[in-house]
Amino acid sequence: AGQVGIRCRHCRGLPLGSAQQGAMYFPSSLVSMYQTGQKMSNVHFFSDKPCHRIPKEIVSEGMAASRAGVGGGKRYWEEAGAMLGLVDTD
């Protein structure tokens, strides 16, 4: 089995290297999925220059949720990954 990656659904299908910064990450463990999600959120989704492929209303809703503190936290991300069948390997 290979390493699991997380990518922007709006950038999928683009040739490698042509998406905006932060469109794809490969967390090294279940525990690091939270940090990966935070980084993707801050760099690609809700930065000063968010992904131009994401509809503006989705960016606005996401920014409002972020300011309101809505989110799952580290435990949520780790448990969600485990529920999907992801496991850490050495």
N, C-alpha and C. Protein backbone atom coordinates (compact mmCIF):
# COMPACT_ATOMS: atom_id res chain seq x y z
N ALA A 1 0.84 -1.19 0.00
CA ALA A 1 0.00 0.00 0.00
C ALA A 1 0.88 1.24 0.00
N GLY A 2 0.38 2.31 -0.55
CA GLY A 2 1.14 3.55 -0.63
C GLY A 2 0.73 4.55 0.42
N GLN A 3 1.24 5.72 0.30
CA GLN A 3 0.95 6.80 1.24
C GLN A 3 -0.30 7.54 0.80
N VAL A 4 -1.13 7.89 1.76
CA VAL A 4 -2.38 8.61 1.48
C VAL A 4 -2.09 10.09 1.33
N GLY A 5 -2.74 10.72 0.37
CA GLY A 5 -2.60 12.15 0.16
C GLY A 5 -3.94 12.85 0.29
N ILE A 6 -3.88 14.14 0.55
CA ILE A 6 -5.06 14.99 0.62
C ILE A 6 -4.88 16.08 -0.43
N ARG A 7 -5.91 16.29 -1.24
CA ARG A 7 -5.79 17.32 -2.26
C ARG A 7 -7.06 18.14 -2.36
N CYS A 8 -6.94 19.29 -2.98
CA CYS A 8 -8.07 20.17 -3.24
C CYS A 8 -8.92 19.52 -4.34
N ARG A 9 -10.19 19.32 -4.04
CA ARG A 9 -11.06 18.68 -5.04
C ARG A 9 -11.27 19.56 -6.27
N HIS A 10 -11.06 20.86 -6.12
CA HIS A 10 -11.25 21.77 -7.24
C HIS A 10 -10.03 21.79 -8.17
N CYS A 11 -8.90 21.31 -7.68
CA CYS A 11 -7.67 21.27 -8.48
C CYS A 11 -7.39 19.88 -9.05
N ARG A 12 -8.21 18.91 -8.71
CA ARG A 12 -7.95 17.55 -9.19
C ARG A 12 -7.98 17.53 -10.73
N GLY A 13 -7.19 16.69 -11.27
CA GLY A 13 -7.14 16.57 -12.72
C GLY A 13 -6.16 17.52 -13.39
N LEU A 14 -5.64 18.49 -12.63
CA LEU A 14 -4.66 19.40 -13.21
C LEU A 14 -3.31 18.69 -13.29
N PRO A 15 -2.51 19.01 -14.27
CA PRO A 15 -1.17 18.43 -14.33
C PRO A 15 -0.37 18.79 -13.07
N LEU A 16 0.50 17.87 -12.63
CA LEU A 16 1.32 18.15 -11.46
C LEU A 16 2.08 19.46 -11.64
N GLY A 17 2.10 20.25 -10.59
CA GLY A 17 2.83 21.51 -10.62
C GLY A 17 2.04 22.69 -11.15
N SER A 18 0.83 22.46 -11.68
CA SER A 18 0.08 23.58 -12.24
C SER A 18 -0.98 24.13 -11.28
N ALA A 19 -1.24 23.43 -10.19
CA ALA A 19 -2.19 23.93 -9.19
C ALA A 19 -1.51 24.96 -8.31
N GLN A 20 -2.32 25.81 -7.66
CA GLN A 20 -1.77 26.78 -6.74
C GLN A 20 -1.09 26.08 -5.56
N GLN A 21 -0.25 26.82 -4.87
CA GLN A 21 0.49 26.28 -3.73
C GLN A 21 -0.47 25.67 -2.71
N GLY A 22 -0.07 24.54 -2.15
CA GLY A 22 -0.83 23.91 -1.08
C GLY A 22 -2.01 23.09 -1.53
N ALA A 23 -2.10 22.75 -2.82
CA ALA A 23 -3.24 22.00 -3.33
C ALA A 23 -3.18 20.52 -2.96
N MET A 24 -1.99 20.02 -2.57
CA MET A 24 -1.84 18.60 -2.29
C MET A 24 -0.80 18.40 -1.19
N TYR A 25 -1.15 17.55 -0.23
CA TYR A 25 -0.24 17.21 0.87
C TYR A 25 -0.30 15.72 1.13
N PHE A 26 0.78 15.20 1.70
CA PHE A 26 0.88 13.79 2.05
C PHE A 26 1.28 13.67 3.52
N PRO A 27 0.29 13.61 4.42
CA PRO A 27 0.63 13.52 5.85
C PRO A 27 1.37 12.22 6.14
N SER A 28 2.31 12.29 7.07
CA SER A 28 3.15 11.13 7.37
C SER A 28 2.51 10.16 8.35
N SER A 29 1.44 10.57 9.04
CA SER A 29 0.77 9.70 10.01
C SER A 29 -0.65 10.18 10.24
N LEU A 30 -1.44 9.35 10.92
CA LEU A 30 -2.81 9.75 11.26
C LEU A 30 -2.81 10.99 12.14
N VAL A 31 -1.89 11.04 13.09
CA VAL A 31 -1.81 12.18 14.01
C VAL A 31 -1.51 13.47 13.25
N SER A 32 -0.71 13.38 12.19
CA SER A 32 -0.34 14.60 11.46
C SER A 32 -1.40 15.03 10.45
N MET A 33 -2.49 14.29 10.33
CA MET A 33 -3.55 14.70 9.40
C MET A 33 -4.15 16.05 9.80
N TYR A 34 -4.27 16.30 11.10
CA TYR A 34 -4.81 17.57 11.57
C TYR A 34 -3.94 18.74 11.10
N GLN A 35 -2.63 18.63 11.34
CA GLN A 35 -1.72 19.69 10.93
C GLN A 35 -1.74 19.88 9.41
N THR A 36 -1.86 18.77 8.69
CA THR A 36 -1.93 18.84 7.24
C THR A 36 -3.19 19.59 6.80
N GLY A 37 -4.32 19.27 7.43
CA GLY A 37 -5.56 19.97 7.11
C GLY A 37 -5.49 21.45 7.43
N GLN A 38 -4.87 21.78 8.57
CA GLN A 38 -4.71 23.19 8.95
C GLN A 38 -3.84 23.92 7.94
N LYS A 39 -2.75 23.28 7.55
CA LYS A 39 -1.83 23.90 6.60
C LYS A 39 -2.52 24.12 5.26
N MET A 40 -3.25 23.12 4.79
CA MET A 40 -3.95 23.25 3.52
C MET A 40 -4.99 24.37 3.60
N SER A 41 -5.69 24.43 4.71
CA SER A 41 -6.69 25.47 4.92
C SER A 41 -6.04 26.86 4.87
N ASN A 42 -4.94 27.02 5.58
CA ASN A 42 -4.29 28.32 5.67
C ASN A 42 -3.56 28.73 4.40
N VAL A 43 -3.03 27.77 3.67
CA VAL A 43 -2.22 28.08 2.48
C VAL A 43 -3.06 28.09 1.20
N HIS A 44 -3.96 27.13 1.06
CA HIS A 44 -4.65 26.97 -0.22
C HIS A 44 -6.10 27.47 -0.22
N PHE A 45 -6.83 27.18 0.84
CA PHE A 45 -8.26 27.50 0.84
C PHE A 45 -8.57 28.94 1.28
N PHE A 46 -8.03 29.36 2.40
CA PHE A 46 -8.45 30.62 3.02
C PHE A 46 -7.31 31.59 3.25
N SER A 47 -6.35 31.60 2.37
CA SER A 47 -5.21 32.51 2.48
C SER A 47 -5.56 33.86 1.87
N ASP A 48 -4.57 34.74 1.79
CA ASP A 48 -4.77 36.03 1.12
C ASP A 48 -5.14 35.83 -0.35
N LYS A 49 -4.62 34.74 -0.92
CA LYS A 49 -4.90 34.41 -2.33
C LYS A 49 -5.43 32.99 -2.39
N PRO A 50 -6.71 32.78 -2.04
CA PRO A 50 -7.25 31.42 -2.05
C PRO A 50 -7.30 30.84 -3.46
N CYS A 51 -7.40 29.54 -3.53
CA CYS A 51 -7.50 28.83 -4.80
C CYS A 51 -8.60 29.48 -5.65
N HIS A 52 -8.25 29.90 -6.84
CA HIS A 52 -9.23 30.59 -7.69
C HIS A 52 -10.24 29.62 -8.31
N ARG A 53 -10.05 28.33 -8.12
CA ARG A 53 -11.01 27.35 -8.65
C ARG A 53 -12.16 27.08 -7.67
N ILE A 54 -11.99 27.48 -6.40
CA ILE A 54 -13.03 27.27 -5.40
C ILE A 54 -14.06 28.39 -5.54
N PRO A 55 -15.35 28.05 -5.64
CA PRO A 55 -16.38 29.10 -5.73
C PRO A 55 -16.28 30.07 -4.55
N LYS A 56 -16.44 31.35 -4.83
CA LYS A 56 -16.28 32.39 -3.82
C LYS A 56 -17.19 32.20 -2.60
N GLU A 57 -18.41 31.69 -2.81
CA GLU A 57 -19.31 31.49 -1.67
C GLU A 57 -18.78 30.41 -0.72
N ILE A 58 -18.10 29.41 -1.27
CA ILE A 58 -17.52 28.36 -0.42
C ILE A 58 -16.35 28.94 0.38
N VAL A 59 -15.53 29.77 -0.26
CA VAL A 59 -14.43 30.41 0.46
C VAL A 59 -14.99 31.28 1.59
N SER A 60 -16.04 32.05 1.31
CA SER A 60 -16.63 32.91 2.33
C SER A 60 -17.19 32.11 3.49
N GLU A 61 -17.90 31.02 3.20
CA GLU A 61 -18.44 30.16 4.26
C GLU A 61 -17.33 29.53 5.09
N GLY A 62 -16.27 29.09 4.43
CA GLY A 62 -15.15 28.47 5.13
C GLY A 62 -14.42 29.46 6.02
N MET A 63 -14.25 30.68 5.54
CA MET A 63 -13.59 31.69 6.34
C MET A 63 -14.43 32.04 7.57
N ALA A 64 -15.74 32.11 7.40
CA ALA A 64 -16.63 32.40 8.53
C ALA A 64 -16.58 31.27 9.55
N ALA A 65 -16.60 30.03 9.09
CA ALA A 65 -16.53 28.88 10.00
C ALA A 65 -15.20 28.87 10.74
N SER A 66 -14.13 29.21 10.04
CA SER A 66 -12.81 29.24 10.65
C SER A 66 -12.75 30.29 11.76
N ARG A 67 -13.30 31.47 11.49
CA ARG A 67 -13.32 32.53 12.50
C ARG A 67 -14.18 32.15 13.70
N ALA A 68 -15.22 31.34 13.46
CA ALA A 68 -16.12 30.92 14.53
C ALA A 68 -15.55 29.75 15.32
N GLY A 69 -14.42 29.23 14.88
CA GLY A 69 -13.80 28.12 15.60
C GLY A 69 -14.42 26.76 15.31
N VAL A 70 -15.14 26.65 14.20
CA VAL A 70 -15.74 25.38 13.82
C VAL A 70 -14.66 24.47 13.26
N GLY A 71 -14.60 23.26 13.72
CA GLY A 71 -13.61 22.31 13.23
C GLY A 71 -13.54 21.11 14.15
N GLY A 72 -12.91 20.08 13.70
CA GLY A 72 -12.92 18.84 14.45
C GLY A 72 -11.79 18.66 15.43
N GLY A 73 -10.67 19.31 15.23
CA GLY A 73 -9.54 19.12 16.10
C GLY A 73 -8.74 17.87 15.77
N LYS A 74 -7.62 17.72 16.47
CA LYS A 74 -6.70 16.62 16.18
C LYS A 74 -7.35 15.26 16.32
N ARG A 75 -8.07 15.05 17.40
CA ARG A 75 -8.68 13.74 17.64
C ARG A 75 -9.68 13.38 16.55
N TYR A 76 -10.48 14.37 16.11
CA TYR A 76 -11.45 14.13 15.05
C TYR A 76 -10.76 13.63 13.78
N TRP A 77 -9.69 14.32 13.37
CA TRP A 77 -8.99 13.94 12.14
C TRP A 77 -8.40 12.55 12.26
N GLU A 78 -7.80 12.25 13.40
CA GLU A 78 -7.20 10.94 13.59
C GLU A 78 -8.26 9.84 13.57
N GLU A 79 -9.37 10.06 14.28
CA GLU A 79 -10.44 9.05 14.31
C GLU A 79 -11.11 8.90 12.95
N ALA A 80 -11.29 10.01 12.24
CA ALA A 80 -11.92 9.94 10.91
C ALA A 80 -11.05 9.13 9.95
N GLY A 81 -9.74 9.34 10.00
CA GLY A 81 -8.83 8.58 9.16
C GLY A 81 -8.89 7.09 9.49
N ALA A 82 -8.92 6.79 10.78
CA ALA A 82 -9.00 5.38 11.21
C ALA A 82 -10.30 4.76 10.75
N MET A 83 -11.41 5.50 10.83
CA MET A 83 -12.72 4.98 10.38
C MET A 83 -12.71 4.68 8.89
N LEU A 84 -11.88 5.39 8.14
CA LEU A 84 -11.77 5.15 6.70
C LEU A 84 -10.84 3.98 6.39
N GLY A 85 -10.25 3.42 7.45
CA GLY A 85 -9.37 2.28 7.25
C GLY A 85 -7.89 2.64 7.13
N LEU A 86 -7.54 3.90 7.39
CA LEU A 86 -6.15 4.30 7.31
C LEU A 86 -5.41 3.80 8.55
N VAL A 87 -4.21 3.35 8.36
CA VAL A 87 -3.37 2.90 9.47
C VAL A 87 -1.96 3.44 9.27
N ASP A 88 -1.28 3.68 10.39
CA ASP A 88 0.13 4.07 10.33
C ASP A 88 0.98 2.82 10.13
N THR A 89 2.01 2.96 9.33
CA THR A 89 2.97 1.87 9.14
C THR A 89 4.35 2.41 9.46
N ASP A 90 5.26 1.52 9.70
CA ASP A 90 6.64 1.94 10.02
C ASP A 90 7.43 2.26 8.79
